[in-house]
């Protein structure tokens, strides 16, 4: 079994309290996503964006042109925290997101 099959990463990007003009987060994501896609494509299991408003969703539709279909399927835009429970069990979800995991 390879490393990528054994260890995979799920990322929760919480935008709920961010303004749409949050340039630091945008720049971070512009750098982070290509690294995951180009160098660790099998490491990313899933990427959850909380607080994905209408503008963010529209920008994501444009961005999907530049990412592979496989990567696109790993990314989930969620408006509310409670939607995480559809993807992550409470045992593996931090208390801050409604789970029972203490970090």
PDB file of N, CA and C in Angstrom:
ATOM      1  N   UNK A   1       0.846  -1.175   0.000  1.00  0.00           N
ATOM      2  CA  UNK A   1       0.000   0.000   0.000  1.00  0.00           C
ATOM      3  C   UNK A   1       0.895   1.244   0.000  1.00  0.00           C
ATOM      4  N   UNK A   2       0.581   2.192  -0.843  1.00  0.00           N
ATOM      5  CA  UNK A   2       1.397   3.402  -0.934  1.00  0.00           C
ATOM      6  C   UNK A   2       1.001   4.412   0.135  1.00  0.00           C
ATOM      7  N   UNK A   3       1.850   5.392   0.313  1.00  0.00           N
ATOM      8  CA  UNK A   3       1.608   6.457   1.292  1.00  0.00           C
ATOM      9  C   UNK A   3       0.286   7.159   1.000  1.00  0.00           C
ATOM     10  N   UNK A   4       0.036   7.466  -0.284  1.00  0.00           N
ATOM     11  CA  UNK A   4      -1.176   8.196  -0.647  1.00  0.00           C
ATOM     12  C   UNK A   4      -2.429   7.398  -0.333  1.00  0.00           C
ATOM     13  N   UNK A   5      -2.362   6.091  -0.409  1.00  0.00           N
ATOM     14  CA  UNK A   5      -3.524   5.269  -0.103  1.00  0.00           C
ATOM     15  C   UNK A   5      -3.755   5.180   1.409  1.00  0.00           C
ATOM     16  N   UNK A   6      -2.697   5.331   2.168  1.00  0.00           N
ATOM     17  CA  UNK A   6      -2.784   5.195   3.611  1.00  0.00           C
ATOM     18  C   UNK A   6      -3.182   6.495   4.294  1.00  0.00           C
ATOM     19  N   UNK A   7      -2.590   7.590   3.893  1.00  0.00           N
ATOM     20  CA  UNK A   7      -2.808   8.879   4.542  1.00  0.00           C
ATOM     21  C   UNK A   7      -3.388   9.871   3.550  1.00  0.00           C
ATOM     22  N   UNK A   8      -4.571  10.357   3.867  1.00  0.00           N
ATOM     23  CA  UNK A   8      -5.178  11.368   3.032  1.00  0.00           C
ATOM     24  C   UNK A   8      -5.609  12.540   3.908  1.00  0.00           C
ATOM     25  N   UNK A   9      -5.686  13.694   3.299  1.00  0.00           N
ATOM     26  CA  UNK A   9      -5.922  14.942   3.999  1.00  0.00           C
ATOM     27  C   UNK A   9      -7.291  15.499   3.637  1.00  0.00           C
ATOM     28  N   UNK A  10      -8.062  15.850   4.648  1.00  0.00           N
ATOM     29  CA  UNK A  10      -9.308  16.588   4.455  1.00  0.00           C
ATOM     30  C   UNK A  10      -9.097  17.972   5.053  1.00  0.00           C
ATOM     31  N   UNK A  11      -9.415  18.986   4.280  1.00  0.00           N
ATOM     32  CA  UNK A  11      -9.189  20.370   4.692  1.00  0.00           C
ATOM     33  C   UNK A  11     -10.533  21.070   4.840  1.00  0.00           C
ATOM     34  N   UNK A  12     -10.691  21.791   5.946  1.00  0.00           N
ATOM     35  CA  UNK A  12     -11.871  22.632   6.142  1.00  0.00           C
ATOM     36  C   UNK A  12     -11.401  24.081   6.077  1.00  0.00           C
ATOM     37  N   UNK A  13     -11.860  24.784   5.069  1.00  0.00           N
ATOM     38  CA  UNK A  13     -11.525  26.197   4.876  1.00  0.00           C
ATOM     39  C   UNK A  13     -12.745  27.002   5.326  1.00  0.00           C
ATOM     40  N   UNK A  14     -12.661  27.606   6.487  1.00  0.00           N
ATOM     41  CA  UNK A  14     -13.783  28.288   7.103  1.00  0.00           C
ATOM     42  C   UNK A  14     -13.768  29.769   6.729  1.00  0.00           C
ATOM     43  N   UNK A  15     -14.678  30.149   5.857  1.00  0.00           N
ATOM     44  CA  UNK A  15     -14.789  31.535   5.379  1.00  0.00           C
ATOM     45  C   UNK A  15     -15.953  32.277   6.021  1.00  0.00           C
ATOM     46  N   UNK A  16     -16.574  31.716   7.006  1.00  0.00           N
ATOM     47  CA  UNK A  16     -17.806  32.294   7.539  1.00  0.00           C
ATOM     48  C   UNK A  16     -17.664  33.721   8.036  1.00  0.00           C
ATOM     49  N   UNK A  17     -16.542  34.083   8.603  1.00  0.00           N
ATOM     50  CA  UNK A  17     -16.367  35.439   9.124  1.00  0.00           C
ATOM     51  C   UNK A  17     -15.464  36.295   8.243  1.00  0.00           C
ATOM     52  N   UNK A  18     -15.249  35.869   7.024  1.00  0.00           N
ATOM     53  CA  UNK A  18     -14.354  36.603   6.132  1.00  0.00           C
ATOM     54  C   UNK A  18     -15.142  37.468   5.162  1.00  0.00           C
ATOM     55  N   UNK A  19     -14.562  38.584   4.852  1.00  0.00           N
ATOM     56  CA  UNK A  19     -15.140  39.452   3.836  1.00  0.00           C
ATOM     57  C   UNK A  19     -14.737  38.922   2.461  1.00  0.00           C
ATOM     58  N   UNK A  20     -15.502  39.272   1.450  1.00  0.00           N
ATOM     59  CA  UNK A  20     -15.169  38.824   0.093  1.00  0.00           C
ATOM     60  C   UNK A  20     -13.852  39.415  -0.381  1.00  0.00           C
ATOM     61  N   UNK A  21     -13.426  40.491   0.243  1.00  0.00           N
ATOM     62  CA  UNK A  21     -12.189  41.141  -0.164  1.00  0.00           C
ATOM     63  C   UNK A  21     -10.996  40.684   0.678  1.00  0.00           C
ATOM     64  N   UNK A  22     -11.069  39.499   1.235  1.00  0.00           N
ATOM     65  CA  UNK A  22      -9.998  38.961   2.071  1.00  0.00           C
ATOM     66  C   UNK A  22      -8.840  38.500   1.183  1.00  0.00           C
ATOM     67  N   UNK A  23      -7.936  39.428   0.857  1.00  0.00           N
ATOM     68  CA  UNK A  23      -6.845  39.157  -0.076  1.00  0.00           C
ATOM     69  C   UNK A  23      -5.842  38.134   0.443  1.00  0.00           C
ATOM     70  N   UNK A  24      -5.601  38.106   1.744  1.00  0.00           N
ATOM     71  CA  UNK A  24      -4.639  37.160   2.306  1.00  0.00           C
ATOM     72  C   UNK A  24      -5.110  35.730   2.053  1.00  0.00           C
ATOM     73  N   UNK A  25      -6.368  35.456   2.319  1.00  0.00           N
ATOM     74  CA  UNK A  25      -6.910  34.113   2.100  1.00  0.00           C
ATOM     75  C   UNK A  25      -6.895  33.743   0.627  1.00  0.00           C
ATOM     76  N   UNK A  26      -7.234  34.687  -0.219  1.00  0.00           N
ATOM     77  CA  UNK A  26      -7.228  34.406  -1.659  1.00  0.00           C
ATOM     78  C   UNK A  26      -5.831  34.058  -2.140  1.00  0.00           C
ATOM     79  N   UNK A  27      -4.857  34.803  -1.704  1.00  0.00           N
ATOM     80  CA  UNK A  27      -3.479  34.529  -2.109  1.00  0.00           C
ATOM     81  C   UNK A  27      -2.994  33.200  -1.559  1.00  0.00           C
ATOM     82  N   UNK A  28      -3.370  32.898  -0.328  1.00  0.00           N
ATOM     83  CA  UNK A  28      -2.991  31.616   0.267  1.00  0.00           C
ATOM     84  C   UNK A  28      -3.590  30.473  -0.535  1.00  0.00           C
ATOM     85  N   UNK A  29      -4.859  30.566  -0.880  1.00  0.00           N
ATOM     86  CA  UNK A  29      -5.513  29.505  -1.633  1.00  0.00           C
ATOM     87  C   UNK A  29      -4.922  29.364  -3.035  1.00  0.00           C
ATOM     88  N   UNK A  30      -4.549  30.470  -3.655  1.00  0.00           N
ATOM     89  CA  UNK A  30      -3.932  30.410  -4.976  1.00  0.00           C
ATOM     90  C   UNK A  30      -2.620  29.636  -4.944  1.00  0.00           C
ATOM     91  N   UNK A  31      -1.924  29.715  -3.824  1.00  0.00           N
ATOM     92  CA  UNK A  31      -0.650  28.999  -3.683  1.00  0.00           C
ATOM     93  C   UNK A  31      -0.860  27.568  -3.198  1.00  0.00           C
ATOM     94  N   UNK A  32      -1.830  27.369  -2.321  1.00  0.00           N
ATOM     95  CA  UNK A  32      -2.062  26.075  -1.684  1.00  0.00           C
ATOM     96  C   UNK A  32      -2.627  25.035  -2.656  1.00  0.00           C
ATOM     97  N   UNK A  33      -3.635  25.397  -3.416  1.00  0.00           N
ATOM     98  CA  UNK A  33      -4.306  24.429  -4.275  1.00  0.00           C
ATOM     99  C   UNK A  33      -3.394  23.859  -5.367  1.00  0.00           C
ATOM    100  N   UNK A  34      -2.597  24.652  -6.069  1.00  0.00           N
ATOM    101  CA  UNK A  34      -1.700  24.051  -7.060  1.00  0.00           C
ATOM    102  C   UNK A  34      -0.676  23.099  -6.445  1.00  0.00           C
ATOM    103  N   UNK A  35      -0.229  23.399  -5.236  1.00  0.00           N
ATOM    104  CA  UNK A  35       0.725  22.500  -4.572  1.00  0.00           C
ATOM    105  C   UNK A  35       0.064  21.147  -4.326  1.00  0.00           C
ATOM    106  N   UNK A  36      -1.149  21.171  -3.798  1.00  0.00           N
ATOM    107  CA  UNK A  36      -1.864  19.910  -3.564  1.00  0.00           C
ATOM    108  C   UNK A  36      -2.119  19.177  -4.868  1.00  0.00           C
ATOM    109  N   UNK A  37      -2.567  19.902  -5.877  1.00  0.00           N
ATOM    110  CA  UNK A  37      -2.919  19.275  -7.152  1.00  0.00           C
ATOM    111  C   UNK A  37      -1.692  18.763  -7.892  1.00  0.00           C
ATOM    112  N   UNK A  38      -0.607  19.526  -7.903  1.00  0.00           N
ATOM    113  CA  UNK A  38       0.560  19.163  -8.699  1.00  0.00           C
ATOM    114  C   UNK A  38       1.505  18.188  -8.007  1.00  0.00           C
ATOM    115  N   UNK A  39       1.678  18.334  -6.704  1.00  0.00           N
ATOM    116  CA  UNK A  39       2.686  17.537  -6.009  1.00  0.00           C
ATOM    117  C   UNK A  39       2.111  16.442  -5.106  1.00  0.00           C
ATOM    118  N   UNK A  40       0.879  16.615  -4.675  1.00  0.00           N
ATOM    119  CA  UNK A  40       0.262  15.644  -3.783  1.00  0.00           C
ATOM    120  C   UNK A  40      -1.171  15.328  -4.241  1.00  0.00           C
ATOM    121  N   UNK A  41      -1.359  14.960  -5.490  1.00  0.00           N
ATOM    122  CA  UNK A  41      -2.725  14.819  -6.006  1.00  0.00           C
ATOM    123  C   UNK A  41      -3.553  13.752  -5.302  1.00  0.00           C
ATOM    124  N   UNK A  42      -2.928  12.719  -4.810  1.00  0.00           N
ATOM    125  CA  UNK A  42      -3.675  11.663  -4.149  1.00  0.00           C
ATOM    126  C   UNK A  42      -3.749  11.859  -2.641  1.00  0.00           C
ATOM    127  N   UNK A  43      -3.076  12.872  -2.129  1.00  0.00           N
ATOM    128  CA  UNK A  43      -3.103  13.145  -0.692  1.00  0.00           C
ATOM    129  C   UNK A  43      -4.386  13.861  -0.293  1.00  0.00           C
ATOM    130  N   UNK A  44      -4.891  14.725  -1.159  1.00  0.00           N
ATOM    131  CA  UNK A  44      -6.117  15.458  -0.850  1.00  0.00           C
ATOM    132  C   UNK A  44      -7.316  14.540  -1.025  1.00  0.00           C
ATOM    133  N   UNK A  45      -7.962  14.232   0.082  1.00  0.00           N
ATOM    134  CA  UNK A  45      -9.176  13.415   0.034  1.00  0.00           C
ATOM    135  C   UNK A  45     -10.378  14.308  -0.250  1.00  0.00           C
ATOM    136  N   UNK A  46     -10.445  15.418   0.480  1.00  0.00           N
ATOM    137  CA  UNK A  46     -11.573  16.321   0.313  1.00  0.00           C
ATOM    138  C   UNK A  46     -11.210  17.706   0.841  1.00  0.00           C
ATOM    139  N   UNK A  47     -11.881  18.699   0.285  1.00  0.00           N
ATOM    140  CA  UNK A  47     -11.651  20.086   0.659  1.00  0.00           C
ATOM    141  C   UNK A  47     -13.021  20.731   0.840  1.00  0.00           C
ATOM    142  N   UNK A  48     -13.310  21.186   2.049  1.00  0.00           N
ATOM    143  CA  UNK A  48     -14.618  21.757   2.366  1.00  0.00           C
ATOM    144  C   UNK A  48     -14.479  23.257   2.580  1.00  0.00           C
ATOM    145  N   UNK A  49     -15.292  24.018   1.882  1.00  0.00           N
ATOM    146  CA  UNK A  49     -15.302  25.471   2.045  1.00  0.00           C
ATOM    147  C   UNK A  49     -16.594  25.838   2.768  1.00  0.00           C
ATOM    148  N   UNK A  50     -16.463  26.304   4.009  1.00  0.00           N
ATOM    149  CA  UNK A  50     -17.628  26.734   4.782  1.00  0.00           C
ATOM    150  C   UNK A  50     -17.888  28.215   4.531  1.00  0.00           C
ATOM    151  N   UNK A  51     -19.145  28.572   4.448  1.00  0.00           N
ATOM    152  CA  UNK A  51     -19.488  29.972   4.233  1.00  0.00           C
ATOM    153  C   UNK A  51     -19.296  30.387   2.783  1.00  0.00           C
ATOM    154  N   UNK A  52     -19.476  29.446   1.884  1.00  0.00           N
ATOM    155  CA  UNK A  52     -19.311  29.734   0.456  1.00  0.00           C
ATOM    156  C   UNK A  52     -20.560  30.472  -0.037  1.00  0.00           C
ATOM    157  N   UNK A  53     -20.455  31.774  -0.106  1.00  0.00           N
ATOM    158  CA  UNK A  53     -21.595  32.583  -0.525  1.00  0.00           C
ATOM    159  C   UNK A  53     -21.745  32.566  -2.052  1.00  0.00           C
ATOM    160  N   UNK A  54     -22.698  33.309  -2.553  1.00  0.00           N
ATOM    161  CA  UNK A  54     -22.996  33.320  -3.983  1.00  0.00           C
ATOM    162  C   UNK A  54     -21.796  33.773  -4.819  1.00  0.00           C
ATOM    163  N   UNK A  55     -21.108  34.801  -4.370  1.00  0.00           N
ATOM    164  CA  UNK A  55     -19.936  35.290  -5.095  1.00  0.00           C
ATOM    165  C   UNK A  55     -18.840  34.222  -5.143  1.00  0.00           C
ATOM    166  N   UNK A  56     -18.595  33.584  -4.022  1.00  0.00           N
ATOM    167  CA  UNK A  56     -17.562  32.542  -3.958  1.00  0.00           C
ATOM    168  C   UNK A  56     -17.926  31.383  -4.890  1.00  0.00           C
ATOM    169  N   UNK A  57     -19.197  31.022  -4.908  1.00  0.00           N
ATOM    170  CA  UNK A  57     -19.645  29.933  -5.784  1.00  0.00           C
ATOM    171  C   UNK A  57     -19.456  30.303  -7.256  1.00  0.00           C
ATOM    172  N   UNK A  58     -19.744  31.544  -7.592  1.00  0.00           N
ATOM    173  CA  UNK A  58     -19.562  31.993  -8.979  1.00  0.00           C
ATOM    174  C   UNK A  58     -18.081  31.960  -9.377  1.00  0.00           C
ATOM    175  N   UNK A  59     -17.235  32.421  -8.476  1.00  0.00           N
ATOM    176  CA  UNK A  59     -15.797  32.382  -8.755  1.00  0.00           C
ATOM    177  C   UNK A  59     -15.292  30.943  -8.864  1.00  0.00           C
ATOM    178  N   UNK A  60     -15.849  30.062  -8.059  1.00  0.00           N
ATOM    179  CA  UNK A  60     -15.444  28.654  -8.122  1.00  0.00           C
ATOM    180  C   UNK A  60     -15.819  28.043  -9.470  1.00  0.00           C
ATOM    181  N   UNK A  61     -16.982  28.406  -9.989  1.00  0.00           N
ATOM    182  CA  UNK A  61     -17.389  27.890 -11.308  1.00  0.00           C
ATOM    183  C   UNK A  61     -16.364  28.263 -12.374  1.00  0.00           C
ATOM    184  N   UNK A  62     -15.835  29.467 -12.286  1.00  0.00           N
ATOM    185  CA  UNK A  62     -14.799  29.901 -13.233  1.00  0.00           C
ATOM    186  C   UNK A  62     -13.507  29.133 -12.981  1.00  0.00           C
ATOM    187  N   UNK A  63     -13.149  28.961 -11.718  1.00  0.00           N
ATOM    188  CA  UNK A  63     -11.907  28.278 -11.358  1.00  0.00           C
ATOM    189  C   UNK A  63     -11.900  26.814 -11.783  1.00  0.00           C
ATOM    190  N   UNK A  64     -13.072  26.196 -11.863  1.00  0.00           N
ATOM    191  CA  UNK A  64     -13.124  24.779 -12.238  1.00  0.00           C
ATOM    192  C   UNK A  64     -12.572  24.528 -13.632  1.00  0.00           C
ATOM    193  N   UNK A  65     -12.488  25.551 -14.428  1.00  0.00           N
ATOM    194  CA  UNK A  65     -11.898  25.426 -15.763  1.00  0.00           C
ATOM    195  C   UNK A  65     -10.427  25.039 -15.659  1.00  0.00           C
ATOM    196  N   UNK A  66      -9.774  25.466 -14.575  1.00  0.00           N
ATOM    197  CA  UNK A  66      -8.333  25.290 -14.433  1.00  0.00           C
ATOM    198  C   UNK A  66      -7.913  24.098 -13.574  1.00  0.00           C
ATOM    199  N   UNK A  67      -8.873  23.396 -12.969  1.00  0.00           N
ATOM    200  CA  UNK A  67      -8.518  22.243 -12.140  1.00  0.00           C
ATOM    201  C   UNK A  67      -9.041  20.970 -12.796  1.00  0.00           C
ATOM    202  N   UNK A  68      -8.409  19.873 -12.481  1.00  0.00           N
ATOM    203  CA  UNK A  68      -8.834  18.598 -13.056  1.00  0.00           C
ATOM    204  C   UNK A  68     -10.201  18.203 -12.513  1.00  0.00           C
ATOM    205  N   UNK A  69     -10.906  17.369 -13.251  1.00  0.00           N
ATOM    206  CA  UNK A  69     -12.214  16.881 -12.809  1.00  0.00           C
ATOM    207  C   UNK A  69     -12.087  16.125 -11.487  1.00  0.00           C
ATOM    208  N   UNK A  70     -11.020  15.370 -11.354  1.00  0.00           N
ATOM    209  CA  UNK A  70     -10.800  14.594 -10.138  1.00  0.00           C
ATOM    210  C   UNK A  70     -10.665  15.522  -8.920  1.00  0.00           C
ATOM    211  N   UNK A  71      -9.918  16.610  -9.092  1.00  0.00           N
ATOM    212  CA  UNK A  71      -9.767  17.585  -8.011  1.00  0.00           C
ATOM    213  C   UNK A  71     -11.087  18.301  -7.757  1.00  0.00           C
ATOM    214  N   UNK A  72     -11.788  18.651  -8.792  1.00  0.00           N
ATOM    215  CA  UNK A  72     -13.070  19.336  -8.650  1.00  0.00           C
ATOM    216  C   UNK A  72     -14.058  18.509  -7.827  1.00  0.00           C
ATOM    217  N   UNK A  73     -14.045  17.204  -8.000  1.00  0.00           N
ATOM    218  CA  UNK A  73     -14.957  16.324  -7.266  1.00  0.00           C
ATOM    219  C   UNK A  73     -14.623  16.240  -5.781  1.00  0.00           C
ATOM    220  N   UNK A  74     -13.424  16.605  -5.413  1.00  0.00           N
ATOM    221  CA  UNK A  74     -13.004  16.558  -4.012  1.00  0.00           C
ATOM    222  C   UNK A  74     -13.386  17.815  -3.246  1.00  0.00           C
ATOM    223  N   UNK A  75     -13.799  18.855  -3.956  1.00  0.00           N
ATOM    224  CA  UNK A  75     -14.073  20.147  -3.328  1.00  0.00           C
ATOM    225  C   UNK A  75     -15.576  20.331  -3.146  1.00  0.00           C
ATOM    226  N   UNK A  76     -15.957  20.680  -1.911  1.00  0.00           N
ATOM    227  CA  UNK A  76     -17.363  20.832  -1.551  1.00  0.00           C
ATOM    228  C   UNK A  76     -17.590  22.222  -0.975  1.00  0.00           C
ATOM    229  N   UNK A  77     -18.469  22.972  -1.595  1.00  0.00           N
ATOM    230  CA  UNK A  77     -18.819  24.302  -1.115  1.00  0.00           C
ATOM    231  C   UNK A  77     -20.053  24.182  -0.230  1.00  0.00           C
ATOM    232  N   UNK A  78     -19.910  24.576   1.027  1.00  0.00           N
ATOM    233  CA  UNK A  78     -20.990  24.437   1.999  1.00  0.00           C
ATOM    234  C   UNK A  78     -21.341  25.789   2.591  1.00  0.00           C
ATOM    235  N   UNK A  79     -22.620  26.063   2.688  1.00  0.00           N
ATOM    236  CA  UNK A  79     -23.048  27.327   3.276  1.00  0.00           C
ATOM    237  C   UNK A  79     -23.056  27.262   4.798  1.00  0.00           C
ATOM    238  N   UNK A  80     -23.395  26.113   5.349  1.00  0.00           N
ATOM    239  CA  UNK A  80     -23.547  25.978   6.788  1.00  0.00           C
ATOM    240  C   UNK A  80     -22.688  24.846   7.347  1.00  0.00           C
ATOM    241  N   UNK A  81     -22.298  24.973   8.607  1.00  0.00           N
ATOM    242  CA  UNK A  81     -21.464  23.987   9.293  1.00  0.00           C
ATOM    243  C   UNK A  81     -22.148  22.629   9.379  1.00  0.00           C
ATOM    244  N   UNK A  82     -23.447  22.621   9.612  1.00  0.00           N
ATOM    245  CA  UNK A  82     -24.134  21.340   9.803  1.00  0.00           C
ATOM    246  C   UNK A  82     -24.064  20.438   8.574  1.00  0.00           C
ATOM    247  N   UNK A  83     -23.749  20.971   7.430  1.00  0.00           N
ATOM    248  CA  UNK A  83     -23.605  20.166   6.215  1.00  0.00           C
ATOM    249  C   UNK A  83     -22.351  19.285   6.266  1.00  0.00           C
ATOM    250  N   UNK A  84     -21.392  19.634   7.130  1.00  0.00           N
ATOM    251  CA  UNK A  84     -20.187  18.810   7.274  1.00  0.00           C
ATOM    252  C   UNK A  84     -20.511  17.399   7.741  1.00  0.00           C
ATOM    253  N   UNK A  85     -21.599  17.258   8.500  1.00  0.00           N
ATOM    254  CA  UNK A  85     -21.984  15.957   9.031  1.00  0.00           C
ATOM    255  C   UNK A  85     -22.334  14.959   7.937  1.00  0.00           C
ATOM    256  N   UNK A  86     -22.631  15.435   6.736  1.00  0.00           N
ATOM    257  CA  UNK A  86     -22.896  14.535   5.617  1.00  0.00           C
ATOM    258  C   UNK A  86     -21.607  13.882   5.116  1.00  0.00           C
ATOM    259  N   UNK A  87     -20.483  14.507   5.411  1.00  0.00           N
ATOM    260  CA  UNK A  87     -19.200  14.052   4.877  1.00  0.00           C
ATOM    261  C   UNK A  87     -18.250  13.503   5.935  1.00  0.00           C
ATOM    262  N   UNK A  88     -18.318  14.045   7.148  1.00  0.00           N
ATOM    263  CA  UNK A  88     -17.365  13.690   8.200  1.00  0.00           C
ATOM    264  C   UNK A  88     -18.148  13.237   9.436  1.00  0.00           C
ATOM    265  N   UNK A  89     -17.767  12.105  10.001  1.00  0.00           N
ATOM    266  CA  UNK A  89     -18.452  11.627  11.207  1.00  0.00           C
ATOM    267  C   UNK A  89     -18.132  12.550  12.382  1.00  0.00           C
ATOM    268  N   UNK A  90     -19.031  12.606  13.341  1.00  0.00           N
ATOM    269  CA  UNK A  90     -18.836  13.473  14.509  1.00  0.00           C
ATOM    270  C   UNK A  90     -17.573  13.111  15.285  1.00  0.00           C
ATOM    271  N   UNK A  91     -17.202  11.835  15.273  1.00  0.00           N
ATOM    272  CA  UNK A  91     -15.983  11.402  15.960  1.00  0.00           C
ATOM    273  C   UNK A  91     -14.726  12.005  15.347  1.00  0.00           C
ATOM    274  N   UNK A  92     -14.797  12.349  14.076  1.00  0.00           N
ATOM    275  CA  UNK A  92     -13.650  12.898  13.373  1.00  0.00           C
ATOM    276  C   UNK A  92     -13.763  14.391  13.104  1.00  0.00           C
ATOM    277  N   UNK A  93     -14.774  15.004  13.680  1.00  0.00           N
ATOM    278  CA  UNK A  93     -15.028  16.421  13.449  1.00  0.00           C
ATOM    279  C   UNK A  93     -14.805  17.206  14.734  1.00  0.00           C
ATOM    280  N   UNK A  94     -14.067  18.294  14.637  1.00  0.00           N
ATOM    281  CA  UNK A  94     -13.762  19.143  15.793  1.00  0.00           C
ATOM    282  C   UNK A  94     -15.039  19.678  16.439  1.00  0.00           C
ATOM    283  N   UNK A  95     -14.968  19.890  17.738  1.00  0.00           N
ATOM    284  CA  UNK A  95     -16.107  20.438  18.490  1.00  0.00           C
ATOM    285  C   UNK A  95     -16.595  21.763  17.909  1.00  0.00           C
ATOM    286  N   UNK A  96     -15.678  22.552  17.388  1.00  0.00           N
ATOM    287  CA  UNK A  96     -16.030  23.857  16.818  1.00  0.00           C
ATOM    288  C   UNK A  96     -16.964  23.719  15.627  1.00  0.00           C
ATOM    289  N   UNK A  97     -17.012  22.516  15.030  1.00  0.00           N
ATOM    290  CA  UNK A  97     -17.843  22.274  13.868  1.00  0.00           C
ATOM    291  C   UNK A  97     -18.964  21.283  14.158  1.00  0.00           C
ATOM    292  N   UNK A  98     -19.294  21.104  15.446  1.00  0.00           N
ATOM    293  CA  UNK A  98     -20.394  20.255  15.814  1.00  0.00           C
ATOM    294  C   UNK A  98     -20.032  18.800  16.096  1.00  0.00           C
ATOM    295  N   UNK A  99     -18.742  18.481  16.072  1.00  0.00           N
ATOM    296  CA  UNK A  99     -18.302  17.119  16.328  1.00  0.00           C
ATOM    297  C   UNK A  99     -17.930  16.898  17.774  1.00  0.00           C
ATOM    298  N   UNK A 100     -17.321  15.757  18.036  1.00  0.00           N
ATOM    299  CA  UNK A 100     -16.924  15.431  19.406  1.00  0.00           C
ATOM    300  C   UNK A 100     -15.396  15.373  19.563  1.00  0.00           C
ATOM    301  N   UNK A 101     -14.652  15.671  18.526  1.00  0.00           N
ATOM    302  CA  UNK A 101     -13.199  15.625  18.569  1.00  0.00           C
ATOM    303  C   UNK A 101     -12.646  16.877  19.251  1.00  0.00           C
ATOM    304  N   UNK A 102     -11.766  16.657  20.214  1.00  0.00           N
ATOM    305  CA  UNK A 102     -11.100  17.777  20.904  1.00  0.00           C
ATOM    306  C   UNK A 102      -9.675  17.862  20.410  1.00  0.00           C
ATOM    307  N   UNK A 103      -9.322  19.031  19.934  1.00  0.00           N
ATOM    308  CA  UNK A 103      -7.962  19.240  19.436  1.00  0.00           C
ATOM    309  C   UNK A 103      -7.221  20.175  20.370  1.00  0.00           C
TER     310      UNK A 103
END
